[in-house]
Amino acid sequence: MRLRRVIRRGSRSRRCKKPLTLDTGLDLAAQYFIRSFLHLTEWWLAPPDAQAHGPERMGEIYAELILRPTLAAALRASVTRPPADTGSG
């Protein structure tokens, strides 16, 4: 399938340029996010399950399996919370 070739080619070129390390958390999350989205879309469009779920349901599946976990991991790694307002000022 053409999508698989594109993903493989992109993976190879990515590996050649800069290997992922544990200290590239946001980069790793972005890679996971993109690849997961592409694989889920490929699964949805491929027989025998081709579009077994409607677009709305696929949006829910996408949010549950990919979007929420990726955002949670990215935010946990990169956002520090401001100090709580104690109301004394």
N, C-alpha and C. Protein backbone atom coordinates (compact mmCIF):
# COMPACT_ATOMS: atom_id res chain seq x y z
N MET A 1 0.84 -1.18 0.00
CA MET A 1 0.00 0.00 0.00
C MET A 1 0.89 1.25 0.00
N ARG A 2 0.50 2.25 -0.70
CA ARG A 2 1.31 3.45 -0.87
C ARG A 2 1.61 4.14 0.45
N LEU A 3 0.63 4.21 1.34
CA LEU A 3 0.83 4.88 2.63
C LEU A 3 1.94 4.22 3.43
N ARG A 4 2.00 2.90 3.40
CA ARG A 4 3.07 2.19 4.12
C ARG A 4 4.44 2.55 3.56
N ARG A 5 4.54 2.66 2.24
CA ARG A 5 5.83 3.03 1.64
C ARG A 5 6.24 4.43 2.08
N VAL A 6 5.29 5.34 2.11
CA VAL A 6 5.59 6.72 2.54
C VAL A 6 6.06 6.73 3.98
N ILE A 7 5.39 5.97 4.84
CA ILE A 7 5.77 5.92 6.25
C ILE A 7 7.16 5.31 6.40
N ARG A 8 7.42 4.21 5.71
CA ARG A 8 8.74 3.58 5.79
C ARG A 8 9.84 4.52 5.31
N ARG A 9 9.58 5.19 4.20
CA ARG A 9 10.57 6.11 3.65
C ARG A 9 10.84 7.25 4.63
N GLY A 10 9.78 7.78 5.22
CA GLY A 10 9.94 8.85 6.20
C GLY A 10 10.68 8.38 7.43
N SER A 11 10.41 7.16 7.86
CA SER A 11 11.10 6.60 9.02
C SER A 11 12.58 6.45 8.75
N ARG A 12 12.93 5.95 7.58
CA ARG A 12 14.34 5.78 7.24
C ARG A 12 15.05 7.12 7.18
N SER A 13 14.44 8.12 6.55
CA SER A 13 15.11 9.41 6.44
C SER A 13 15.21 10.07 7.81
N ARG A 14 14.25 9.84 8.67
CA ARG A 14 14.28 10.39 10.03
C ARG A 14 15.42 9.77 10.82
N ARG A 15 15.58 8.46 10.71
CA ARG A 15 16.64 7.77 11.44
C ARG A 15 18.02 8.24 10.99
N CYS A 16 18.15 8.53 9.72
CA CYS A 16 19.45 8.95 9.21
C CYS A 16 19.83 10.34 9.72
N LYS A 17 18.88 11.21 9.87
CA LYS A 17 19.18 12.59 10.24
C LYS A 17 19.49 12.74 11.72
N LYS A 18 18.64 12.20 12.58
CA LYS A 18 18.83 12.41 14.01
C LYS A 18 18.11 11.30 14.76
N PRO A 19 18.83 10.43 15.43
CA PRO A 19 18.16 9.39 16.18
C PRO A 19 17.41 9.97 17.37
N LEU A 20 16.26 9.40 17.67
CA LEU A 20 15.49 9.85 18.82
C LEU A 20 16.18 9.41 20.11
N THR A 21 16.17 10.27 21.08
CA THR A 21 16.70 9.92 22.39
C THR A 21 15.63 10.22 23.42
N LEU A 22 15.83 9.75 24.63
CA LEU A 22 14.83 9.96 25.67
C LEU A 22 14.66 11.42 26.03
N ASP A 23 15.66 12.25 25.79
CA ASP A 23 15.53 13.66 26.14
C ASP A 23 14.81 14.47 25.07
N THR A 24 14.33 13.85 24.02
CA THR A 24 13.53 14.54 23.01
C THR A 24 12.07 14.14 23.17
N GLY A 25 11.52 14.37 24.34
CA GLY A 25 10.17 13.94 24.66
C GLY A 25 9.10 14.47 23.72
N LEU A 26 9.14 15.76 23.41
CA LEU A 26 8.12 16.31 22.53
C LEU A 26 8.27 15.79 21.11
N ASP A 27 9.51 15.62 20.68
CA ASP A 27 9.74 15.05 19.35
C ASP A 27 9.22 13.62 19.28
N LEU A 28 9.47 12.86 20.32
CA LEU A 28 8.99 11.49 20.38
C LEU A 28 7.46 11.45 20.38
N ALA A 29 6.84 12.34 21.15
CA ALA A 29 5.37 12.40 21.18
C ALA A 29 4.82 12.77 19.80
N ALA A 30 5.48 13.68 19.12
CA ALA A 30 5.03 14.07 17.78
C ALA A 30 5.13 12.90 16.81
N GLN A 31 6.23 12.16 16.88
CA GLN A 31 6.39 10.98 16.01
C GLN A 31 5.30 9.95 16.29
N TYR A 32 5.05 9.70 17.57
CA TYR A 32 4.02 8.74 17.96
C TYR A 32 2.66 9.20 17.44
N PHE A 33 2.35 10.46 17.66
CA PHE A 33 1.08 11.04 17.27
C PHE A 33 0.84 10.87 15.77
N ILE A 34 1.81 11.25 14.97
CA ILE A 34 1.67 11.20 13.51
C ILE A 34 1.55 9.76 13.02
N ARG A 35 2.45 8.92 13.48
CA ARG A 35 2.42 7.52 13.01
C ARG A 35 1.15 6.81 13.45
N SER A 36 0.71 7.04 14.66
CA SER A 36 -0.52 6.41 15.15
C SER A 36 -1.71 6.86 14.32
N PHE A 37 -1.77 8.15 14.04
CA PHE A 37 -2.86 8.67 13.22
C PHE A 37 -2.87 8.02 11.84
N LEU A 38 -1.69 7.94 11.22
CA LEU A 38 -1.61 7.34 9.88
C LEU A 38 -1.98 5.86 9.89
N HIS A 39 -1.52 5.14 10.90
CA HIS A 39 -1.85 3.71 10.97
C HIS A 39 -3.34 3.50 11.24
N LEU A 40 -3.92 4.31 12.10
CA LEU A 40 -5.35 4.18 12.37
C LEU A 40 -6.16 4.49 11.11
N THR A 41 -5.78 5.52 10.39
CA THR A 41 -6.46 5.86 9.14
C THR A 41 -6.31 4.75 8.11
N GLU A 42 -5.11 4.21 8.01
CA GLU A 42 -4.87 3.11 7.08
C GLU A 42 -5.75 1.90 7.44
N TRP A 43 -5.83 1.57 8.71
CA TRP A 43 -6.67 0.45 9.15
C TRP A 43 -8.13 0.71 8.79
N TRP A 44 -8.58 1.93 9.01
CA TRP A 44 -9.97 2.27 8.77
C TRP A 44 -10.32 2.15 7.29
N LEU A 45 -9.39 2.47 6.43
CA LEU A 45 -9.66 2.46 4.99
C LEU A 45 -9.38 1.13 4.31
N ALA A 46 -8.69 0.22 4.99
CA ALA A 46 -8.28 -1.04 4.37
C ALA A 46 -9.35 -2.12 4.53
N PRO A 47 -9.57 -2.93 3.49
CA PRO A 47 -10.46 -4.08 3.61
C PRO A 47 -9.87 -5.09 4.58
N PRO A 48 -10.60 -5.92 5.25
CA PRO A 48 -12.05 -6.11 5.15
C PRO A 48 -12.85 -5.18 6.06
N ASP A 49 -12.15 -4.39 6.89
CA ASP A 49 -12.86 -3.50 7.82
C ASP A 49 -13.08 -2.11 7.26
N ALA A 50 -12.95 -1.95 5.96
CA ALA A 50 -13.01 -0.62 5.35
C ALA A 50 -14.23 0.15 5.83
N GLN A 51 -13.96 1.17 6.55
CA GLN A 51 -14.96 2.09 7.09
C GLN A 51 -16.08 1.37 7.83
N ALA A 52 -15.70 0.37 8.63
CA ALA A 52 -16.68 -0.33 9.44
C ALA A 52 -17.32 0.61 10.46
N HIS A 53 -16.59 1.66 10.81
CA HIS A 53 -17.11 2.68 11.72
C HIS A 53 -17.28 3.97 10.93
N GLY A 54 -18.28 4.75 11.30
CA GLY A 54 -18.49 6.03 10.64
C GLY A 54 -17.44 7.05 11.06
N PRO A 55 -17.39 8.18 10.37
CA PRO A 55 -16.40 9.21 10.68
C PRO A 55 -16.50 9.72 12.12
N GLU A 56 -17.71 9.86 12.65
CA GLU A 56 -17.86 10.34 14.02
C GLU A 56 -17.26 9.36 15.02
N ARG A 57 -17.53 8.08 14.82
CA ARG A 57 -16.97 7.05 15.72
C ARG A 57 -15.45 7.00 15.59
N MET A 58 -14.94 7.15 14.39
CA MET A 58 -13.49 7.15 14.21
C MET A 58 -12.87 8.34 14.92
N GLY A 59 -13.56 9.46 14.93
CA GLY A 59 -13.08 10.63 15.68
C GLY A 59 -12.98 10.32 17.17
N GLU A 60 -13.98 9.60 17.69
CA GLU A 60 -13.95 9.21 19.10
C GLU A 60 -12.80 8.24 19.38
N ILE A 61 -12.63 7.27 18.49
CA ILE A 61 -11.54 6.29 18.65
C ILE A 61 -10.20 7.01 18.59
N TYR A 62 -10.06 7.91 17.65
CA TYR A 62 -8.83 8.69 17.50
C TYR A 62 -8.53 9.48 18.78
N ALA A 63 -9.54 10.15 19.30
CA ALA A 63 -9.34 10.94 20.52
C ALA A 63 -8.95 10.05 21.70
N GLU A 64 -9.62 8.92 21.83
CA GLU A 64 -9.37 8.03 22.96
C GLU A 64 -8.01 7.34 22.89
N LEU A 65 -7.65 6.84 21.71
CA LEU A 65 -6.41 6.06 21.58
C LEU A 65 -5.17 6.89 21.32
N ILE A 66 -5.32 8.04 20.67
CA ILE A 66 -4.15 8.79 20.22
C ILE A 66 -4.06 10.18 20.85
N LEU A 67 -5.09 10.98 20.67
CA LEU A 67 -5.01 12.38 21.06
C LEU A 67 -4.85 12.57 22.56
N ARG A 68 -5.74 12.00 23.36
CA ARG A 68 -5.65 12.21 24.81
C ARG A 68 -4.34 11.71 25.41
N PRO A 69 -3.92 10.48 25.13
CA PRO A 69 -2.65 10.02 25.72
C PRO A 69 -1.45 10.84 25.26
N THR A 70 -1.43 11.24 24.00
CA THR A 70 -0.29 12.00 23.50
C THR A 70 -0.25 13.38 24.14
N LEU A 71 -1.38 14.05 24.22
CA LEU A 71 -1.42 15.36 24.87
C LEU A 71 -1.04 15.26 26.33
N ALA A 72 -1.55 14.24 27.01
CA ALA A 72 -1.22 14.07 28.42
C ALA A 72 0.28 13.88 28.62
N ALA A 73 0.89 13.05 27.79
CA ALA A 73 2.33 12.81 27.91
C ALA A 73 3.12 14.06 27.56
N ALA A 74 2.73 14.76 26.52
CA ALA A 74 3.46 15.96 26.10
C ALA A 74 3.34 17.06 27.14
N LEU A 75 2.14 17.25 27.67
CA LEU A 75 1.95 18.31 28.66
C LEU A 75 2.64 17.97 29.97
N ARG A 76 2.60 16.74 30.36
CA ARG A 76 3.26 16.32 31.60
C ARG A 76 4.76 16.54 31.50
N ALA A 77 5.31 16.35 30.32
CA ALA A 77 6.76 16.48 30.14
C ALA A 77 7.21 17.92 29.98
N SER A 78 6.35 18.80 29.48
CA SER A 78 6.84 20.11 29.09
C SER A 78 6.21 21.29 29.82
N VAL A 79 5.17 21.08 30.57
CA VAL A 79 4.49 22.20 31.20
C VAL A 79 4.67 22.13 32.71
N THR A 80 5.14 23.22 33.27
CA THR A 80 5.20 23.30 34.72
C THR A 80 4.04 24.16 35.17
N ARG A 81 3.43 23.77 36.24
CA ARG A 81 2.28 24.51 36.73
C ARG A 81 2.73 25.72 37.53
N PRO A 82 2.02 26.84 37.37
CA PRO A 82 2.36 28.01 38.18
C PRO A 82 2.01 27.75 39.64
N PRO A 83 2.65 28.45 40.56
CA PRO A 83 2.31 28.26 41.97
C PRO A 83 0.84 28.57 42.21
N ALA A 84 0.24 27.84 43.12
CA ALA A 84 -1.18 28.04 43.44
C ALA A 84 -1.37 29.41 44.08
N ASP A 85 -2.47 30.06 43.72
CA ASP A 85 -2.79 31.36 44.30
C ASP A 85 -3.34 31.12 45.70
N THR A 86 -2.66 31.66 46.69
CA THR A 86 -3.09 31.45 48.07
C THR A 86 -4.12 32.47 48.51
N GLY A 87 -4.38 33.47 47.68
CA GLY A 87 -5.39 34.46 48.01
C GLY A 87 -4.90 35.50 49.00
N SER A 88 -3.62 35.55 49.28
CA SER A 88 -3.11 36.50 50.27
C SER A 88 -2.43 37.68 49.60
N GLY A 89 -3.02 38.19 48.59
CA GLY A 89 -2.30 39.26 47.95
C GLY A 89 -3.16 40.17 47.28
